[in-house]
Amino acid sequence: AKFLPKTLRVAYNVGEWCEYTSAISNKGLAVSDLQMRLYLSKFDTAAVGDGVNDIEMMKKAKMAVSANRAGDELKSVCLYHTEDVAEFLNNLAQE
């Protein structure tokens, strides 16, 4: 991290996986931008994720869904947890 330009930050670093993002942005800001452009609120929004880099995004969605393999930090901000994300979303779409 000490070699990164100031415009980047480490979003997460787990095992062999490392994600760099903009130092001034995150997935939560991206969702907020979409909500604003589409005239949606938190209550109109669902988000699905599996890593700590998804936490800010989950906070912007009423229906926050984590994969069961996600860590406790992400699960703590999600209302729903599932083993099979595709099946969960398919069931949701059929309701």
C-alpha atoms as a PDB file:
ATOM      1  CA  ALA A   1       0.000   0.000   0.000  1.00  0.00           C
ATOM      2  CA  LYS A   2       2.869   2.408   0.596  1.00  0.00           C
ATOM      3  CA  PHE A   3       3.692   2.269  -3.133  1.00  0.00           C
ATOM      4  CA  LEU A   4       0.180   3.170  -4.297  1.00  0.00           C
ATOM      5  CA  PRO A   5      -0.505   6.585  -5.749  1.00  0.00           C
ATOM      6  CA  LYS A   6      -2.657   8.736  -3.461  1.00  0.00           C
ATOM      7  CA  THR A   7      -5.515   8.372  -5.963  1.00  0.00           C
ATOM      8  CA  LEU A   8      -5.861   4.649  -5.130  1.00  0.00           C
ATOM      9  CA  ARG A   9      -6.606   2.651  -2.001  1.00  0.00           C
ATOM     10  CA  VAL A  10      -6.752  -1.044  -1.158  1.00  0.00           C
ATOM     11  CA  ALA A  11     -10.433  -2.010  -0.942  1.00  0.00           C
ATOM     12  CA  TYR A  12      -9.573  -5.415   0.453  1.00  0.00           C
ATOM     13  CA  ASN A  13      -6.668  -7.819   0.594  1.00  0.00           C
ATOM     14  CA  VAL A  14      -7.542 -11.428   1.391  1.00  0.00           C
ATOM     15  CA  GLY A  15      -5.180 -14.275   0.592  1.00  0.00           C
ATOM     16  CA  GLU A  16      -4.236 -14.013  -3.069  1.00  0.00           C
ATOM     17  CA  TRP A  17      -7.000 -11.477  -3.800  1.00  0.00           C
ATOM     18  CA  CYS A  18      -6.374  -7.769  -3.646  1.00  0.00           C
ATOM     19  CA  GLU A  19      -8.670  -5.068  -4.985  1.00  0.00           C
ATOM     20  CA  TYR A  20      -7.637  -1.478  -5.573  1.00  0.00           C
ATOM     21  CA  THR A  21     -10.198   1.262  -6.011  1.00  0.00           C
ATOM     22  CA  SER A  22     -10.332   5.004  -6.267  1.00  0.00           C
ATOM     23  CA  ALA A  23      -9.406   6.709  -3.014  1.00  0.00           C
ATOM     24  CA  ILE A  24     -12.487   8.917  -3.298  1.00  0.00           C
ATOM     25  CA  SER A  25     -15.083   6.357  -4.370  1.00  0.00           C
ATOM     26  CA  ASN A  26     -16.636   3.004  -3.432  1.00  0.00           C
ATOM     27  CA  LYS A  27     -19.543   0.784  -4.466  1.00  0.00           C
ATOM     28  CA  GLY A  28     -21.867   2.641  -2.100  1.00  0.00           C
ATOM     29  CA  LEU A  29     -21.242   5.910  -3.929  1.00  0.00           C
ATOM     30  CA  ALA A  30     -21.870   4.162  -7.236  1.00  0.00           C
ATOM     31  CA  VAL A  31     -25.236   2.877  -5.989  1.00  0.00           C
ATOM     32  CA  SER A  32     -26.120   6.335  -4.660  1.00  0.00           C
ATOM     33  CA  ASP A  33     -25.355   7.803  -8.076  1.00  0.00           C
ATOM     34  CA  LEU A  34     -27.596   5.237  -9.790  1.00  0.00           C
ATOM     35  CA  GLN A  35     -30.384   5.843  -7.288  1.00  0.00           C
ATOM     36  CA  MET A  36     -30.214   9.567  -7.952  1.00  0.00           C
ATOM     37  CA  ARG A  37     -30.193   9.161 -11.736  1.00  0.00           C
ATOM     38  CA  LEU A  38     -33.077   6.652 -11.682  1.00  0.00           C
ATOM     39  CA  TYR A  39     -35.108   8.443  -8.981  1.00  0.00           C
ATOM     40  CA  LEU A  40     -34.894   5.458  -6.648  1.00  0.00           C
ATOM     41  CA  SER A  41     -34.569   5.272  -2.891  1.00  0.00           C
ATOM     42  CA  LYS A  42     -32.915   2.770  -0.589  1.00  0.00           C
ATOM     43  CA  PHE A  43     -36.304   1.057  -0.359  1.00  0.00           C
ATOM     44  CA  ASP A  44     -36.306   0.435  -4.133  1.00  0.00           C
ATOM     45  CA  THR A  45     -32.826  -1.065  -4.136  1.00  0.00           C
ATOM     46  CA  ALA A  46     -31.356  -4.554  -3.740  1.00  0.00           C
ATOM     47  CA  ALA A  47     -27.661  -5.415  -3.577  1.00  0.00           C
ATOM     48  CA  VAL A  48     -25.806  -8.718  -3.554  1.00  0.00           C
ATOM     49  CA  GLY A  49     -22.233  -9.250  -2.479  1.00  0.00           C
ATOM     50  CA  ASP A  50     -19.662 -11.569  -1.008  1.00  0.00           C
ATOM     51  CA  GLY A  51     -16.831  -9.408   0.298  1.00  0.00           C
ATOM     52  CA  VAL A  52     -15.974  -6.524   2.597  1.00  0.00           C
ATOM     53  CA  ASN A  53     -15.669  -4.291  -0.460  1.00  0.00           C
ATOM     54  CA  ASP A  54     -19.470  -4.574  -0.758  1.00  0.00           C
ATOM     55  CA  ILE A  55     -20.322  -3.195   2.706  1.00  0.00           C
ATOM     56  CA  GLU A  56     -20.868   0.434   1.634  1.00  0.00           C
ATOM     57  CA  MET A  57     -23.090  -0.762  -1.222  1.00  0.00           C
ATOM     58  CA  MET A  58     -25.182  -2.883   1.155  1.00  0.00           C
ATOM     59  CA  LYS A  59     -25.838   0.126   3.361  1.00  0.00           C
ATOM     60  CA  LYS A  60     -27.528   1.839   0.395  1.00  0.00           C
ATOM     61  CA  ALA A  61     -29.965  -1.022  -0.265  1.00  0.00           C
ATOM     62  CA  LYS A  62     -33.024  -2.097   1.718  1.00  0.00           C
ATOM     63  CA  MET A  63     -32.614  -5.664   0.448  1.00  0.00           C
ATOM     64  CA  ALA A  64     -28.982  -6.490   1.171  1.00  0.00           C
ATOM     65  CA  VAL A  65     -28.062 -10.080   0.372  1.00  0.00           C
ATOM     66  CA  SER A  66     -24.783 -11.779   1.176  1.00  0.00           C
ATOM     67  CA  ALA A  67     -23.487 -15.108   0.015  1.00  0.00           C
ATOM     68  CA  ASN A  68     -23.115 -17.581   2.879  1.00  0.00           C
ATOM     69  CA  ARG A  69     -19.376 -17.730   2.181  1.00  0.00           C
ATOM     70  CA  ALA A  70     -19.087 -14.014   2.988  1.00  0.00           C
ATOM     71  CA  GLY A  71     -17.350 -12.951   6.162  1.00  0.00           C
ATOM     72  CA  ASP A  72     -19.130 -11.893   9.327  1.00  0.00           C
ATOM     73  CA  GLU A  73     -18.375  -8.212   8.716  1.00  0.00           C
ATOM     74  CA  LEU A  74     -20.463  -8.204   5.530  1.00  0.00           C
ATOM     75  CA  LYS A  75     -23.141 -10.508   6.921  1.00  0.00           C
ATOM     76  CA  SER A  76     -23.686  -8.117   9.828  1.00  0.00           C
ATOM     77  CA  VAL A  77     -25.017  -5.411   7.461  1.00  0.00           C
ATOM     78  CA  CYS A  78     -27.165  -7.758   5.348  1.00  0.00           C
ATOM     79  CA  LEU A  79     -30.769  -8.736   5.983  1.00  0.00           C
ATOM     80  CA  TYR A  80     -30.524 -11.910   3.924  1.00  0.00           C
ATOM     81  CA  HIS A  81     -27.915 -14.635   3.454  1.00  0.00           C
ATOM     82  CA  THR A  82     -27.994 -17.368   0.844  1.00  0.00           C
ATOM     83  CA  GLU A  83     -25.978 -20.319  -0.366  1.00  0.00           C
ATOM     84  CA  ASP A  84     -27.113 -19.806  -3.969  1.00  0.00           C
ATOM     85  CA  VAL A  85     -27.368 -16.156  -5.018  1.00  0.00           C
ATOM     86  CA  ALA A  86     -28.799 -16.986  -8.456  1.00  0.00           C
ATOM     87  CA  GLU A  87     -31.576 -19.093  -6.922  1.00  0.00           C
ATOM     88  CA  PHE A  88     -32.345 -16.364  -4.366  1.00  0.00           C
ATOM     89  CA  LEU A  89     -32.662 -13.728  -7.095  1.00  0.00           C
ATOM     90  CA  ASN A  90     -34.747 -16.025  -9.276  1.00  0.00           C
ATOM     91  CA  ASN A  91     -37.146 -16.670  -6.392  1.00  0.00           C
ATOM     92  CA  LEU A  92     -37.299 -12.942  -5.655  1.00  0.00           C
ATOM     93  CA  ALA A  93     -38.139 -12.148  -9.293  1.00  0.00           C
ATOM     94  CA  GLN A  94     -41.005 -14.647  -9.239  1.00  0.00           C
ATOM     95  CA  GLU A  95     -42.672 -13.052  -6.181  1.00  0.00           C
END
